[in-house]
């Protein structure tokens, strides 16, 4: 397995000012050379950006090869508005198959506004990663055409399965689960529309709920929801099926999953991790104030030349008064 990455030199919010125009703007480029036996690659991107005009929609795309002429691997549309939700973090991923060992492949991340009359800019952070692997390590599900607008899965109060994966687990291994879905509202957005995603070990409802995330959208009309979980405690070899469901918990509120949608489950070695004991939406109440609030800490064994990949997923809520907006980043 080879792992390639790009981050800003100072990978923090406000570190850069990269305008996003109505034409594709390249944000990052990575080239990976697959190792022997590795025929798939997972590509992930995380972008912090700002809305500079009214409701603004931005499409992020990952290309295999040159933008426009290469293969569009996956894309999502995220949005914000400059009244209250002007700062947005978009996180999404895709899986590419058919890689050939020892043949380099280049991936490009681009961004563009949908409406030429709107403005946005990348502020940071900006991270893109790609690693080649094989189906013995990573199981995945994604839409056959994993781009924005290629699907239309209605989401109502009744939970609907939107994807599943099967993972072969050995004793002592952990399963790293990551899910991304782009969705739009299909009912009135006043005050807001919530979509609740759940990851089940086994069948929905009768299986074990191991993680969930609630996201919301109002005037911006859609969202990209990404979250992760580490499933642990396996003491025997087994084949585990994970099912992802989506629902709109509030009566009269509906949405539609439009793509991209990607779910991965990996048994690759993990140095250290932290999850809530009950890693579901609404399971804790940790106030966030103007003072720095510690949420988690990890300790890893480092060695010269070692590079660490750090990821965090946090579900949080804006307090009343006004609509209680739920966000997952």
Protein backbone atom coordinates (compact mmCIF):
# COMPACT_ATOMS: atom_id res chain seq x y z
CA UNK A 1 0.00 0.00 0.00
CA UNK A 2 1.25 3.47 -0.87
CA UNK A 3 -0.23 6.53 0.75
CA UNK A 4 -0.07 9.97 -0.85
CA UNK A 5 -1.41 13.18 0.60
CA UNK A 6 -1.63 16.92 0.19
CA UNK A 7 -2.24 19.45 2.94
CA UNK A 8 -1.80 23.19 3.13
CA UNK A 9 1.56 24.18 4.67
CA UNK A 10 -0.48 25.68 7.51
CA UNK A 11 -3.61 23.54 7.44
CA UNK A 12 -5.92 25.75 9.49
CA UNK A 13 -9.03 27.82 8.91
CA UNK A 14 -8.13 31.21 7.45
CA UNK A 15 -4.66 30.13 6.29
CA UNK A 16 -5.38 30.75 2.58
CA UNK A 17 -7.64 32.72 0.28
CA UNK A 18 -8.32 30.71 -2.90
CA UNK A 19 -11.20 32.12 -4.97
CA UNK A 20 -13.75 29.64 -6.33
CA UNK A 21 -15.11 30.60 -9.73
CA UNK A 22 -17.82 29.27 -12.06
CA UNK A 23 -15.16 27.25 -13.88
CA UNK A 24 -13.29 24.32 -12.27
CA UNK A 25 -10.52 25.54 -9.95
CA UNK A 26 -7.80 22.93 -9.20
CA UNK A 27 -7.19 22.68 -5.46
CA UNK A 28 -4.88 19.66 -5.13
CA UNK A 29 -3.11 17.08 -7.30
CA UNK A 30 -1.85 13.65 -6.19
CA UNK A 31 -0.15 10.80 -8.05
CA UNK A 32 -0.10 7.26 -6.69
CA UNK A 33 1.74 4.22 -8.05
CA UNK A 34 -0.18 1.07 -7.00
CA UNK A 35 1.77 -1.74 -5.43
CA UNK A 36 1.59 -5.41 -6.35
CA UNK A 37 -1.89 -6.86 -5.92
CA UNK A 38 -3.51 -3.48 -5.28
CA UNK A 39 -6.31 -2.80 -7.76
CA UNK A 40 -8.44 -0.22 -5.93
CA UNK A 41 -7.76 3.16 -4.41
CA UNK A 42 -9.64 5.33 -1.93
CA UNK A 43 -9.57 9.08 -2.50
CA UNK A 44 -10.70 11.55 0.17
CA UNK A 45 -10.90 15.33 0.33
CA UNK A 46 -11.65 17.80 3.11
CA UNK A 47 -12.16 21.48 2.29
CA UNK A 48 -12.92 24.44 4.53
CA UNK A 49 -14.52 27.28 2.58
CA UNK A 50 -16.55 30.48 2.93
CA UNK A 51 -19.66 31.82 1.22
CA UNK A 52 -19.25 35.43 0.05
CA UNK A 53 -22.72 36.03 -1.44
CA UNK A 54 -26.30 34.93 -0.69
CA UNK A 55 -27.07 31.20 -1.00
CA UNK A 56 -24.05 29.74 -2.78
CA UNK A 57 -23.63 26.21 -4.12
CA UNK A 58 -20.21 24.76 -4.81
CA UNK A 59 -19.49 21.51 -6.64
CA UNK A 60 -16.35 19.63 -5.61
CA UNK A 61 -15.03 17.00 -8.01
CA UNK A 62 -12.29 14.37 -7.93
CA UNK A 63 -10.88 13.49 -11.35
CA UNK A 64 -8.74 10.58 -12.49
CA UNK A 65 -6.56 12.44 -14.93
CA UNK A 66 -6.99 16.00 -16.15
CA UNK A 67 -10.14 17.93 -15.16
CA UNK A 68 -12.69 17.95 -17.98
CA UNK A 69 -10.98 15.32 -20.10
CA UNK A 70 -10.21 12.71 -17.44
CA UNK A 71 -12.58 10.36 -15.62
CA UNK A 72 -14.84 11.98 -13.03
CA UNK A 73 -14.51 9.68 -10.00
CA UNK A 74 -16.98 11.38 -7.68
CA UNK A 75 -18.53 14.76 -6.94
CA UNK A 76 -20.71 16.46 -4.36
CA UNK A 77 -22.53 19.76 -4.11
CA UNK A 78 -22.36 21.62 -0.82
CA UNK A 79 -23.88 24.98 0.02
CA UNK A 80 -24.10 27.80 2.52
CA UNK A 81 -25.48 31.30 2.87
CA UNK A 82 -23.85 34.49 4.06
CA UNK A 83 -26.38 35.30 6.79
CA UNK A 84 -25.67 32.61 9.36
CA UNK A 85 -24.07 29.56 7.69
CA UNK A 86 -21.27 31.24 5.73
CA UNK A 87 -18.49 28.87 6.86
CA UNK A 88 -18.65 25.34 5.50
CA UNK A 89 -16.49 22.22 5.78
CA UNK A 90 -17.01 19.68 3.01
CA UNK A 91 -15.68 16.14 3.43
CA UNK A 92 -16.24 13.40 0.84
CA UNK A 93 -14.64 10.34 -0.68
CA UNK A 94 -14.73 7.90 -3.56
CA UNK A 95 -13.28 4.54 -4.51
CA UNK A 96 -11.63 3.90 -7.88
CA UNK A 97 -11.16 0.39 -9.24
CA UNK A 98 -9.13 -1.08 -12.06
CA UNK A 99 -5.75 0.20 -10.90
CA UNK A 100 -2.73 -1.54 -12.45
CA UNK A 101 0.35 -2.27 -10.31
CA UNK A 102 3.34 -0.01 -11.03
CA UNK A 103 1.34 2.27 -13.34
CA UNK A 104 1.06 5.81 -11.88
CA UNK A 105 -2.39 7.40 -11.64
CA UNK A 106 -2.99 11.11 -11.07
CA UNK A 107 -6.02 12.48 -9.20
CA UNK A 108 -7.12 16.13 -9.22
CA UNK A 109 -9.52 17.90 -6.82
CA UNK A 110 -11.45 20.84 -8.28
CA UNK A 111 -14.11 23.28 -7.06
CA UNK A 112 -16.59 25.49 -8.92
CA UNK A 113 -19.65 27.56 -8.11
CA UNK A 114 -22.96 26.54 -9.71
CA UNK A 115 -24.28 30.06 -10.29
CA UNK A 116 -21.86 32.52 -11.97
CA UNK A 117 -23.41 35.31 -9.90
CA UNK A 118 -22.25 33.81 -6.59
CA UNK A 119 -18.85 33.93 -4.90
CA UNK A 120 -16.93 31.67 -2.53
CA UNK A 121 -13.38 31.03 -1.45
CA UNK A 122 -11.32 28.27 0.16
CA UNK A 123 -10.05 29.31 3.59
CA UNK A 124 -8.54 26.06 4.83
CA UNK A 125 -8.07 23.44 5.95
CA UNK A 126 -7.49 21.60 2.68
CA UNK A 127 -6.53 17.93 2.74
CA UNK A 128 -6.55 15.31 0.01
CA UNK A 129 -5.42 11.71 0.44
CA UNK A 130 -5.21 8.65 -1.77
CA UNK A 131 -3.99 5.16 -1.04
CA UNK A 132 -3.99 2.03 -3.12
CA UNK A 133 -5.16 -1.21 -1.56
CA UNK A 134 -7.22 -4.31 -2.32
CA UNK A 135 -10.54 -5.86 -1.41
CA UNK A 136 -8.94 -8.00 1.31
CA UNK A 137 -8.36 -4.81 3.31
CA UNK A 138 -11.13 -2.43 2.21
CA UNK A 139 -14.78 -3.24 1.55
CA UNK A 140 -16.87 -0.52 -0.03
CA UNK A 141 -20.20 0.50 -1.48
CA UNK A 142 -20.81 3.50 -3.68
CA UNK A 143 -23.25 4.54 -6.36
CA UNK A 144 -22.36 3.09 -9.79
CA UNK A 145 -22.20 6.64 -11.12
CA UNK A 146 -20.98 8.34 -7.97
CA UNK A 147 -21.49 11.97 -8.93
CA UNK A 148 -23.83 14.74 -7.83
CA UNK A 149 -27.31 14.40 -9.32
CA UNK A 150 -26.89 10.83 -10.59
CA UNK A 151 -29.22 9.35 -7.96
CA UNK A 152 -32.53 10.18 -6.29
CA UNK A 153 -33.29 8.18 -3.15
CA UNK A 154 -36.27 9.60 -1.22
CA UNK A 155 -35.73 10.07 2.52
CA UNK A 156 -38.80 10.22 4.78
CA UNK A 157 -39.60 9.33 8.40
CA UNK A 158 -39.30 5.63 7.59
CA UNK A 159 -35.64 4.47 7.66
CA UNK A 160 -34.45 3.45 4.20
CA UNK A 161 -31.30 1.36 3.58
CA UNK A 162 -28.90 3.31 1.36
CA UNK A 163 -25.91 0.97 1.30
CA UNK A 164 -24.21 -2.01 2.91
CA UNK A 165 -20.77 -3.61 3.08
CA UNK A 166 -19.47 -6.98 4.29
CA UNK A 167 -16.14 -7.18 6.12
CA UNK A 168 -14.08 -10.24 7.08
CA UNK A 169 -12.68 -9.58 10.55
CA UNK A 170 -9.96 -11.46 12.44
CA UNK A 171 -9.59 -11.57 16.25
CA UNK A 172 -8.17 -8.33 17.61
CA UNK A 173 -8.81 -6.34 14.43
CA UNK A 174 -10.77 -3.10 14.31
CA UNK A 175 -13.06 -2.03 11.47
CA UNK A 176 -12.73 1.61 10.40
CA UNK A 177 -16.09 2.72 8.97
CA UNK A 178 -16.54 5.91 6.97
CA UNK A 179 -19.69 7.17 5.30
CA UNK A 180 -20.37 10.15 3.02
CA UNK A 181 -23.67 11.16 1.44
CA UNK A 182 -24.76 14.25 -0.48
CA UNK A 183 -28.44 15.12 -0.14
CA UNK A 184 -30.92 17.89 -0.90
CA UNK A 185 -34.16 18.98 0.73
CA UNK A 186 -37.44 18.20 -1.06
CA UNK A 187 -39.86 19.89 1.35
CA UNK A 188 -40.11 23.28 3.01
CA UNK A 189 -36.81 24.23 4.61
CA UNK A 190 -38.43 26.45 7.25
CA UNK A 191 -37.24 26.04 9.88
CA UNK A 192 -35.00 23.19 8.63
CA UNK A 193 -34.81 19.60 7.39
CA UNK A 194 -32.87 16.96 9.34
CA UNK A 195 -31.49 13.73 7.89
CA UNK A 196 -30.35 11.05 10.33
CA UNK A 197 -27.87 8.45 9.09
CA UNK A 198 -27.31 5.24 11.06
CA UNK A 199 -24.75 2.44 10.80
CA UNK A 200 -26.03 -0.97 11.90
CA UNK A 201 -24.02 -4.08 12.61
CA UNK A 202 -26.41 -6.59 11.11
CA UNK A 203 -29.92 -5.86 9.92
CA UNK A 204 -31.50 -2.44 10.54
CA UNK A 205 -33.64 -2.24 13.70
CA UNK A 206 -32.95 -5.85 14.75
CA UNK A 207 -29.18 -5.50 14.53
CA UNK A 208 -26.89 -3.36 16.69
CA UNK A 209 -26.85 0.41 16.16
CA UNK A 210 -23.15 1.30 16.41
CA UNK A 211 -23.04 4.88 15.11
CA UNK A 212 -25.28 7.66 13.81
CA UNK A 213 -25.07 11.26 12.67
CA UNK A 214 -27.76 13.93 12.26
CA UNK A 215 -27.28 16.75 9.76
CA UNK A 216 -29.59 19.62 8.81
CA UNK A 217 -30.18 22.12 6.05
CA UNK A 218 -32.41 25.16 5.77
CA UNK A 219 -32.17 27.94 3.17
CA UNK A 220 -29.08 26.42 1.55
CA UNK A 221 -31.20 23.42 0.53
CA UNK A 222 -28.77 20.55 1.01
CA UNK A 223 -25.70 19.16 2.72
CA UNK A 224 -22.81 16.72 2.50
CA UNK A 225 -22.84 14.49 5.58
CA UNK A 226 -19.65 12.61 6.48
CA UNK A 227 -18.92 10.69 9.66
CA UNK A 228 -16.87 7.74 10.86
CA UNK A 229 -16.71 5.06 13.52
CA UNK A 230 -14.32 2.35 14.71
CA UNK A 231 -15.96 -1.00 15.46
CA UNK A 232 -13.83 -3.00 17.88
CA UNK A 233 -13.88 -5.85 20.38
CA UNK A 234 -13.80 -8.80 17.95
CA UNK A 235 -12.57 -11.96 19.67
CA UNK A 236 -13.16 -14.45 16.86
CA UNK A 237 -12.92 -14.56 13.08
CA UNK A 238 -16.24 -13.58 11.51
CA UNK A 239 -17.93 -11.99 8.55
CA UNK A 240 -19.77 -8.81 9.53
CA UNK A 241 -22.39 -6.99 7.50
CA UNK A 242 -22.88 -3.26 8.07
CA UNK A 243 -26.01 -1.52 6.79
CA UNK A 244 -26.44 2.25 6.46
CA UNK A 245 -29.92 3.74 6.73
CA UNK A 246 -31.26 7.28 6.31
CA UNK A 247 -34.39 8.92 7.67
CA UNK A 248 -35.92 12.38 8.05
CA UNK A 249 -37.10 12.26 11.69
CA UNK A 250 -39.45 15.24 11.60
CA UNK A 251 -42.99 14.82 10.26
CA UNK A 252 -43.61 16.59 6.96
CA UNK A 253 -39.90 16.99 6.20
CA UNK A 254 -38.37 15.11 3.28
CA UNK A 255 -35.07 14.92 1.45
CA UNK A 256 -33.38 13.04 -1.37
CA UNK A 257 -29.92 11.49 -1.54
CA UNK A 258 -28.52 12.61 -4.89
CA UNK A 259 -24.87 11.50 -4.81
CA UNK A 260 -22.13 11.02 -4.23
CA UNK A 261 -22.60 8.28 -1.62
CA UNK A 262 -19.64 6.22 -0.44
CA UNK A 263 -19.25 3.80 2.47
CA UNK A 264 -15.98 2.05 3.28
CA UNK A 265 -14.96 -0.48 5.89
CA UNK A 266 -11.27 -1.12 6.43
CA UNK A 267 -9.36 -3.55 8.65
CA UNK A 268 -6.04 -1.78 8.08
CA UNK A 269 -3.87 -1.29 11.13
CA UNK A 270 -4.92 1.63 13.31
CA UNK A 271 -2.46 3.24 15.71
CA UNK A 272 -4.97 4.75 18.12
CA UNK A 273 -8.57 5.89 18.18
CA UNK A 274 -11.27 7.39 20.36
CA UNK A 275 -15.03 7.10 19.98
CA UNK A 276 -17.84 7.87 22.39
CA UNK A 277 -19.01 4.77 24.30
CA UNK A 278 -22.39 5.24 22.60
CA UNK A 279 -21.28 6.88 19.37
CA UNK A 280 -24.68 8.10 18.21
CA UNK A 281 -26.38 11.43 17.68
CA UNK A 282 -27.74 12.85 20.93
CA UNK A 283 -25.77 10.52 23.22
CA UNK A 284 -23.82 13.33 24.93
CA UNK A 285 -24.16 17.01 25.78
CA UNK A 286 -20.75 18.73 25.77
CA UNK A 287 -21.00 22.55 25.82
CA UNK A 288 -18.81 24.46 23.37
CA UNK A 289 -17.88 27.97 24.54
CA UNK A 290 -15.40 30.68 23.57
CA UNK A 291 -12.74 28.83 25.55
CA UNK A 292 -10.96 25.83 24.06
CA UNK A 293 -12.88 22.65 24.91
CA UNK A 294 -10.92 19.34 24.79
CA UNK A 295 -12.99 16.65 23.08
CA UNK A 296 -10.55 13.75 22.62
CA UNK A 297 -6.88 12.89 22.97
CA UNK A 298 -4.73 10.19 21.39
CA UNK A 299 -1.24 8.90 22.10
CA UNK A 300 0.71 7.10 19.37
CA UNK A 301 4.18 5.62 19.16
CA UNK A 302 6.17 7.71 16.69
CA UNK A 303 9.45 6.92 14.95
CA UNK A 304 11.74 8.87 12.57
CA UNK A 305 10.17 9.37 9.15
CA UNK A 306 6.71 8.30 10.32
CA UNK A 307 3.75 10.21 8.89
CA UNK A 308 0.47 10.26 10.82
CA UNK A 309 -2.97 10.55 9.26
CA UNK A 310 -5.31 12.33 11.70
CA UNK A 311 -9.08 12.37 11.21
CA UNK A 312 -11.93 13.62 13.37
CA UNK A 313 -15.72 13.51 12.99
CA UNK A 314 -17.91 15.56 15.34
CA UNK A 315 -21.67 15.92 15.47
CA UNK A 316 -22.71 19.21 17.10
CA UNK A 317 -25.73 21.46 17.51
CA UNK A 318 -26.43 25.19 17.62
CA UNK A 319 -28.42 26.03 20.78
CA UNK A 320 -31.76 27.79 20.95
CA UNK A 321 -33.17 30.42 20.46
CA UNK A 322 -34.01 29.90 16.81
CA UNK A 323 -33.89 26.65 14.85
CA UNK A 324 -31.53 24.13 16.45
CA UNK A 325 -29.26 23.33 13.54
CA UNK A 326 -27.46 20.00 13.60
CA UNK A 327 -24.12 19.65 11.83
CA UNK A 328 -21.73 16.78 11.26
CA UNK A 329 -18.17 17.39 10.09
